[in-house]
Amino acid sequence: MTLLSEALPYLQYARDAHPYLLLSAPLLLYVLISNVQSYLKLRHFNGPFWSHLTYFWFVSKVFRAKMLTTLQELSDNYGPVCRIGPNDLLVGDFDEVVRINGVRSPYVKSDWYTTIRFDVDGGDSVVSIMDTAEHDVRKAKLIKGYDGRGRGQDKGWMDRVVDGQLGELVKLLRERYLCESGEED
């Protein structure tokens, strides 16, 4: 007898007695396998126990409005790179962020970057572009404004422009939005 012929009566019983159980078995198997894969992929990063298996603990912190303190505590307790979800890491070290986002980095951006799009029509900014080739093309178009060259050989021109704009902002805040003590608007 083959294995299938031995299992057939059990499968027919499950179909007749509990059809939804039989239909949900592949879904449960998929969830189990995907959780094991997620766990194994980042198993060498420390973090809260439940963060390895589910996002429920993370969502509970968000709903309690304790995310900022929670992230700081995680970074203090587990180090500058720690696990905060089955597929997510918290990176609290600036040097690690520079290494991860550096030129020719082997790391790719996750779907999280779609949440920081600035364009209301769903377009990407240089920060939110996830495709590395497209990011490089867009960055190459913008780099001249940031490389310190331009306006002749004057290296301080950008500082003067920024200082001037900040001065205008401070002037505006003082004139329109700051009231002297004792005054009422």
C-alpha atoms as a PDB file:
ATOM      1  CA  MET A   1       0.000   0.000   0.000  1.00  0.00           C
ATOM      2  CA  THR A   2       1.155   3.461  -0.757  1.00  0.00           C
ATOM      3  CA  LEU A   3       1.199   6.335   1.665  1.00  0.00           C
ATOM      4  CA  LEU A   4      -1.558   8.134  -0.237  1.00  0.00           C
ATOM      5  CA  SER A   5      -3.901   5.160  -0.100  1.00  0.00           C
ATOM      6  CA  GLU A   6      -3.335   4.905   3.663  1.00  0.00           C
ATOM      7  CA  ALA A   7      -3.967   8.616   4.204  1.00  0.00           C
ATOM      8  CA  LEU A   8      -7.012   8.838   1.935  1.00  0.00           C
ATOM      9  CA  PRO A   9      -9.577   7.609   4.528  1.00  0.00           C
ATOM     10  CA  TYR A  10      -8.322  10.172   7.047  1.00  0.00           C
ATOM     11  CA  LEU A  11      -8.496  12.992   4.497  1.00  0.00           C
ATOM     12  CA  GLN A  12     -12.040  11.971   3.522  1.00  0.00           C
ATOM     13  CA  TYR A  13     -13.070  11.913   7.201  1.00  0.00           C
ATOM     14  CA  ALA A  14     -11.564  15.381   7.749  1.00  0.00           C
ATOM     15  CA  ARG A  15     -13.329  16.685   4.636  1.00  0.00           C
ATOM     16  CA  ASP A  16     -16.682  15.300   5.739  1.00  0.00           C
ATOM     17  CA  ALA A  17     -16.410  16.160   9.430  1.00  0.00           C
ATOM     18  CA  HIS A  18     -14.556  19.478   9.322  1.00  0.00           C
ATOM     19  CA  PRO A  19     -14.324  20.992   5.826  1.00  0.00           C
ATOM     20  CA  TYR A  20     -13.111  24.348   7.131  1.00  0.00           C
ATOM     21  CA  LEU A  21     -10.348  22.662   9.070  1.00  0.00           C
ATOM     22  CA  LEU A  22      -9.160  20.957   5.909  1.00  0.00           C
ATOM     23  CA  LEU A  23      -9.275  24.242   3.985  1.00  0.00           C
ATOM     24  CA  SER A  24      -7.454  26.165   6.706  1.00  0.00           C
ATOM     25  CA  ALA A  25      -4.619  23.635   7.024  1.00  0.00           C
ATOM     26  CA  PRO A  26      -2.631  25.053   4.071  1.00  0.00           C
ATOM     27  CA  LEU A  27      -3.026  28.579   5.462  1.00  0.00           C
ATOM     28  CA  LEU A  28      -1.818  27.494   8.891  1.00  0.00           C
ATOM     29  CA  LEU A  29       1.096  25.663   7.308  1.00  0.00           C
ATOM     30  CA  TYR A  30       2.026  28.779   5.330  1.00  0.00           C
ATOM     31  CA  VAL A  31       1.887  30.966   8.458  1.00  0.00           C
ATOM     32  CA  LEU A  32       4.026  28.494  10.381  1.00  0.00           C
ATOM     33  CA  ILE A  33       6.650  28.222   7.639  1.00  0.00           C
ATOM     34  CA  SER A  34       6.826  31.994   7.087  1.00  0.00           C
ATOM     35  CA  ASN A  35       7.210  32.612  10.838  1.00  0.00           C
ATOM     36  CA  VAL A  36      10.024  30.085  11.068  1.00  0.00           C
ATOM     37  CA  GLN A  37      11.752  31.652   8.058  1.00  0.00           C
ATOM     38  CA  SER A  38      11.430  35.154   9.556  1.00  0.00           C
ATOM     39  CA  TYR A  39      12.745  33.940  12.888  1.00  0.00           C
ATOM     40  CA  LEU A  40      15.740  32.206  11.355  1.00  0.00           C
ATOM     41  CA  LYS A  41      16.619  35.116   9.053  1.00  0.00           C
ATOM     42  CA  LEU A  42      17.302  37.545  11.925  1.00  0.00           C
ATOM     43  CA  ARG A  43      17.876  35.116  14.805  1.00  0.00           C
ATOM     44  CA  HIS A  44      21.320  36.508  15.628  1.00  0.00           C
ATOM     45  CA  PHE A  45      19.878  39.931  16.562  1.00  0.00           C
ATOM     46  CA  ASN A  46      18.729  40.377  20.144  1.00  0.00           C
ATOM     47  CA  GLY A  47      15.396  41.881  21.068  1.00  0.00           C
ATOM     48  CA  PRO A  48      12.262  41.176  23.084  1.00  0.00           C
ATOM     49  CA  PHE A  49      11.125  37.545  22.798  1.00  0.00           C
ATOM     50  CA  TRP A  50       7.803  38.353  21.114  1.00  0.00           C
ATOM     51  CA  SER A  51       9.483  40.599  18.535  1.00  0.00           C
ATOM     52  CA  HIS A  52      10.986  37.487  16.955  1.00  0.00           C
ATOM     53  CA  LEU A  53       7.539  36.006  16.335  1.00  0.00           C
ATOM     54  CA  THR A  54       4.920  38.726  15.984  1.00  0.00           C
ATOM     55  CA  TYR A  55       4.241  42.439  15.613  1.00  0.00           C
ATOM     56  CA  PHE A  56       1.528  42.408  18.294  1.00  0.00           C
ATOM     57  CA  TRP A  57       3.833  43.608  21.074  1.00  0.00           C
ATOM     58  CA  PHE A  58       5.049  46.482  18.840  1.00  0.00           C
ATOM     59  CA  VAL A  59       1.508  47.511  17.939  1.00  0.00           C
ATOM     60  CA  SER A  60       0.526  47.466  21.612  1.00  0.00           C
ATOM     61  CA  LYS A  61       3.311  49.960  22.371  1.00  0.00           C
ATOM     62  CA  VAL A  62       2.159  52.190  19.510  1.00  0.00           C
ATOM     63  CA  PHE A  63      -1.435  52.188  20.767  1.00  0.00           C
ATOM     64  CA  ARG A  64      -0.258  53.064  24.281  1.00  0.00           C
ATOM     65  CA  ALA A  65       1.744  55.990  22.845  1.00  0.00           C
ATOM     66  CA  LYS A  66       4.985  54.648  24.330  1.00  0.00           C
ATOM     67  CA  MET A  67       6.992  54.184  21.131  1.00  0.00           C
ATOM     68  CA  LEU A  68       9.710  56.765  21.800  1.00  0.00           C
ATOM     69  CA  THR A  69      10.541  55.475  25.271  1.00  0.00           C
ATOM     70  CA  THR A  70      10.227  51.868  24.116  1.00  0.00           C
ATOM     71  CA  LEU A  71      12.685  52.348  21.253  1.00  0.00           C
ATOM     72  CA  GLN A  72      15.166  54.083  23.579  1.00  0.00           C
ATOM     73  CA  GLU A  73      14.874  51.284  26.142  1.00  0.00           C
ATOM     74  CA  LEU A  74      15.353  48.636  23.448  1.00  0.00           C
ATOM     75  CA  SER A  75      18.465  50.375  22.189  1.00  0.00           C
ATOM     76  CA  ASP A  76      19.823  50.662  25.750  1.00  0.00           C
ATOM     77  CA  ASN A  77      19.026  47.044  26.657  1.00  0.00           C
ATOM     78  CA  TYR A  78      19.848  45.188  23.445  1.00  0.00           C
ATOM     79  CA  GLY A  79      22.471  47.372  21.799  1.00  0.00           C
ATOM     80  CA  PRO A  80      22.557  49.752  18.846  1.00  0.00           C
ATOM     81  CA  VAL A  81      21.073  47.181  16.438  1.00  0.00           C
ATOM     82  CA  CYS A  82      18.194  45.136  17.825  1.00  0.00           C
ATOM     83  CA  ARG A  83      15.175  43.267  16.585  1.00  0.00           C
ATOM     84  CA  ILE A  84      11.775  44.954  16.840  1.00  0.00           C
ATOM     85  CA  GLY A  85       9.703  42.658  14.621  1.00  0.00           C
ATOM     86  CA  PRO A  86       9.850  39.413  12.677  1.00  0.00           C
ATOM     87  CA  ASN A  87      11.403  41.251   9.706  1.00  0.00           C
ATOM     88  CA  ASP A  88      12.485  44.566  11.259  1.00  0.00           C
ATOM     89  CA  LEU A  89      15.526  45.895  13.046  1.00  0.00           C
ATOM     90  CA  LEU A  90      16.028  49.090  15.027  1.00  0.00           C
ATOM     91  CA  VAL A  91      19.329  50.781  14.173  1.00  0.00           C
ATOM     92  CA  GLY A  92      20.289  53.318  16.826  1.00  0.00           C
ATOM     93  CA  ASP A  93      23.951  53.832  15.934  1.00  0.00           C
ATOM     94  CA  PHE A  94      24.765  56.619  13.481  1.00  0.00           C
ATOM     95  CA  ASP A  95      27.868  54.808  12.165  1.00  0.00           C
ATOM     96  CA  GLU A  96      25.730  51.758  11.346  1.00  0.00           C
ATOM     97  CA  VAL A  97      23.190  53.935   9.523  1.00  0.00           C
ATOM     98  CA  VAL A  98      25.989  55.464   7.439  1.00  0.00           C
ATOM     99  CA  ARG A  99      27.363  52.001   6.638  1.00  0.00           C
ATOM    100  CA  ILE A 100      23.931  50.631   5.723  1.00  0.00           C
ATOM    101  CA  ASN A 101      23.026  53.607   3.517  1.00  0.00           C
ATOM    102  CA  GLY A 102      26.508  54.039   2.084  1.00  0.00           C
ATOM    103  CA  VAL A 103      27.546  53.946  -1.530  1.00  0.00           C
ATOM    104  CA  ARG A 104      27.511  50.423  -2.997  1.00  0.00           C
ATOM    105  CA  SER A 105      26.019  49.039   0.199  1.00  0.00           C
ATOM    106  CA  PRO A 106      24.788  45.449  -0.135  1.00  0.00           C
ATOM    107  CA  TYR A 107      21.627  46.347   1.792  1.00  0.00           C
ATOM    108  CA  VAL A 108      18.385  47.236   0.039  1.00  0.00           C
ATOM    109  CA  LYS A 109      15.632  49.523   1.272  1.00  0.00           C
ATOM    110  CA  SER A 110      12.508  47.937   2.675  1.00  0.00           C
ATOM    111  CA  ASP A 111       8.892  48.864   2.050  1.00  0.00           C
ATOM    112  CA  TRP A 112       9.110  51.133   5.110  1.00  0.00           C
ATOM    113  CA  TYR A 113      10.590  53.835   2.874  1.00  0.00           C
ATOM    114  CA  THR A 114       7.263  54.193   1.056  1.00  0.00           C
ATOM    115  CA  THR A 115       5.852  55.694   4.250  1.00  0.00           C
ATOM    116  CA  ILE A 116       8.114  58.741   3.995  1.00  0.00           C
ATOM    117  CA  ARG A 117       7.051  59.880   0.545  1.00  0.00           C
ATOM    118  CA  PHE A 118       6.684  63.655   0.390  1.00  0.00           C
ATOM    119  CA  ASP A 119       4.699  63.869  -2.809  1.00  0.00           C
ATOM    120  CA  VAL A 120       0.933  63.795  -2.253  1.00  0.00           C
ATOM    121  CA  ASP A 121       0.460  61.962  -5.556  1.00  0.00           C
ATOM    122  CA  GLY A 122       2.546  59.009  -4.368  1.00  0.00           C
ATOM    123  CA  GLY A 123       5.752  60.000  -6.167  1.00  0.00           C
ATOM    124  CA  ASP A 124       9.114  59.283  -4.624  1.00  0.00           C
ATOM    125  CA  SER A 125      11.712  61.673  -3.300  1.00  0.00           C
ATOM    126  CA  VAL A 126      15.421  60.841  -3.332  1.00  0.00           C
ATOM    127  CA  VAL A 127      15.026  59.485   0.197  1.00  0.00           C
ATOM    128  CA  SER A 128      12.054  57.222  -0.510  1.00  0.00           C
ATOM    129  CA  ILE A 129      13.185  55.714  -3.835  1.00  0.00           C
ATOM    130  CA  MET A 130      13.758  52.010  -3.229  1.00  0.00           C
ATOM    131  CA  ASP A 131      15.246  51.110  -6.624  1.00  0.00           C
ATOM    132  CA  THR A 132      19.009  51.606  -6.351  1.00  0.00           C
ATOM    133  CA  ALA A 133      19.554  52.448 -10.045  1.00  0.00           C
ATOM    134  CA  GLU A 134      16.764  55.033 -10.085  1.00  0.00           C
ATOM    135  CA  HIS A 135      18.068  56.479  -6.814  1.00  0.00           C
ATOM    136  CA  ASP A 136      21.563  56.884  -8.292  1.00  0.00           C
ATOM    137  CA  VAL A 137      20.186  58.669 -11.384  1.00  0.00           C
ATOM    138  CA  ARG A 138      18.129  61.102  -9.297  1.00  0.00           C
ATOM    139  CA  LYS A 139      20.977  61.678  -6.830  1.00  0.00           C
ATOM    140  CA  ALA A 140      23.391  62.449  -9.691  1.00  0.00           C
ATOM    141  CA  LYS A 141      21.058  65.234 -10.831  1.00  0.00           C
ATOM    142  CA  LEU A 142      21.017  66.791  -7.353  1.00  0.00           C
ATOM    143  CA  ILE A 143      24.624  66.313  -6.259  1.00  0.00           C
ATOM    144  CA  LYS A 144      25.924  69.588  -7.701  1.00  0.00           C
ATOM    145  CA  GLY A 145      23.906  71.487  -5.140  1.00  0.00           C
ATOM    146  CA  TYR A 146      25.607  69.633  -2.297  1.00  0.00           C
ATOM    147  CA  ASP A 147      29.177  68.963  -3.399  1.00  0.00           C
ATOM    148  CA  GLY A 148      30.579  72.340  -2.322  1.00  0.00           C
ATOM    149  CA  ARG A 149      31.361  73.358  -5.883  1.00  0.00           C
ATOM    150  CA  GLY A 150      29.519  76.083  -7.656  1.00  0.00           C
ATOM    151  CA  ARG A 151      29.346  79.859  -7.692  1.00  0.00           C
ATOM    152  CA  GLY A 152      32.949  79.998  -8.837  1.00  0.00           C
ATOM    153  CA  GLN A 153      35.615  78.964  -6.399  1.00  0.00           C
ATOM    154  CA  ASP A 154      33.802  80.395  -3.375  1.00  0.00           C
ATOM    155  CA  LYS A 155      33.393  77.513  -0.924  1.00  0.00           C
ATOM    156  CA  GLY A 156      31.309  79.419   1.641  1.00  0.00           C
ATOM    157  CA  TRP A 157      28.469  80.490  -0.648  1.00  0.00           C
ATOM    158  CA  MET A 158      26.104  77.758   0.549  1.00  0.00           C
ATOM    159  CA  ASP A 159      26.706  78.676   4.202  1.00  0.00           C
ATOM    160  CA  ARG A 160      25.911  82.309   3.470  1.00  0.00           C
ATOM    161  CA  VAL A 161      22.700  81.392   1.628  1.00  0.00           C
ATOM    162  CA  VAL A 162      21.546  79.121   4.476  1.00  0.00           C
ATOM    163  CA  ASP A 163      22.500  81.704   7.115  1.00  0.00           C
ATOM    164  CA  GLY A 164      20.576  84.370   5.219  1.00  0.00           C
ATOM    165  CA  GLN A 165      17.450  82.216   5.009  1.00  0.00           C
ATOM    166  CA  LEU A 166      17.685  81.307   8.694  1.00  0.00           C
ATOM    167  CA  GLY A 167      18.040  85.008   9.516  1.00  0.00           C
ATOM    168  CA  GLU A 168      14.877  85.733   7.537  1.00  0.00           C
ATOM    169  CA  LEU A 169      13.047  82.977   9.427  1.00  0.00           C
ATOM    170  CA  VAL A 170      14.159  84.324  12.814  1.00  0.00           C
ATOM    171  CA  LYS A 171      13.119  87.851  11.766  1.00  0.00           C
ATOM    172  CA  LEU A 172       9.691  86.590  10.683  1.00  0.00           C
ATOM    173  CA  LEU A 173       9.199  84.689  13.936  1.00  0.00           C
ATOM    174  CA  ARG A 174      10.182  87.723  16.022  1.00  0.00           C
ATOM    175  CA  GLU A 175       8.027  90.186  14.093  1.00  0.00           C
ATOM    176  CA  ARG A 176       4.861  88.140  13.601  1.00  0.00           C
ATOM    177  CA  TYR A 177       4.746  85.365  16.178  1.00  0.00           C
ATOM    178  CA  LEU A 178       6.697  86.450  19.238  1.00  0.00           C
ATOM    179  CA  CYS A 179       4.933  88.707  21.659  1.00  0.00           C
ATOM    180  CA  GLU A 180       6.695  90.634  24.368  1.00  0.00           C
ATOM    181  CA  SER A 181       5.987  89.621  27.962  1.00  0.00           C
ATOM    182  CA  GLY A 182       2.834  91.324  29.177  1.00  0.00           C
ATOM    183  CA  GLU A 183       1.423  91.773  25.684  1.00  0.00           C
ATOM    184  CA  GLU A 184      -1.623  89.843  24.568  1.00  0.00           C
ATOM    185  CA  ASP A 185      -2.645  89.059  20.988  1.00  0.00           C
END
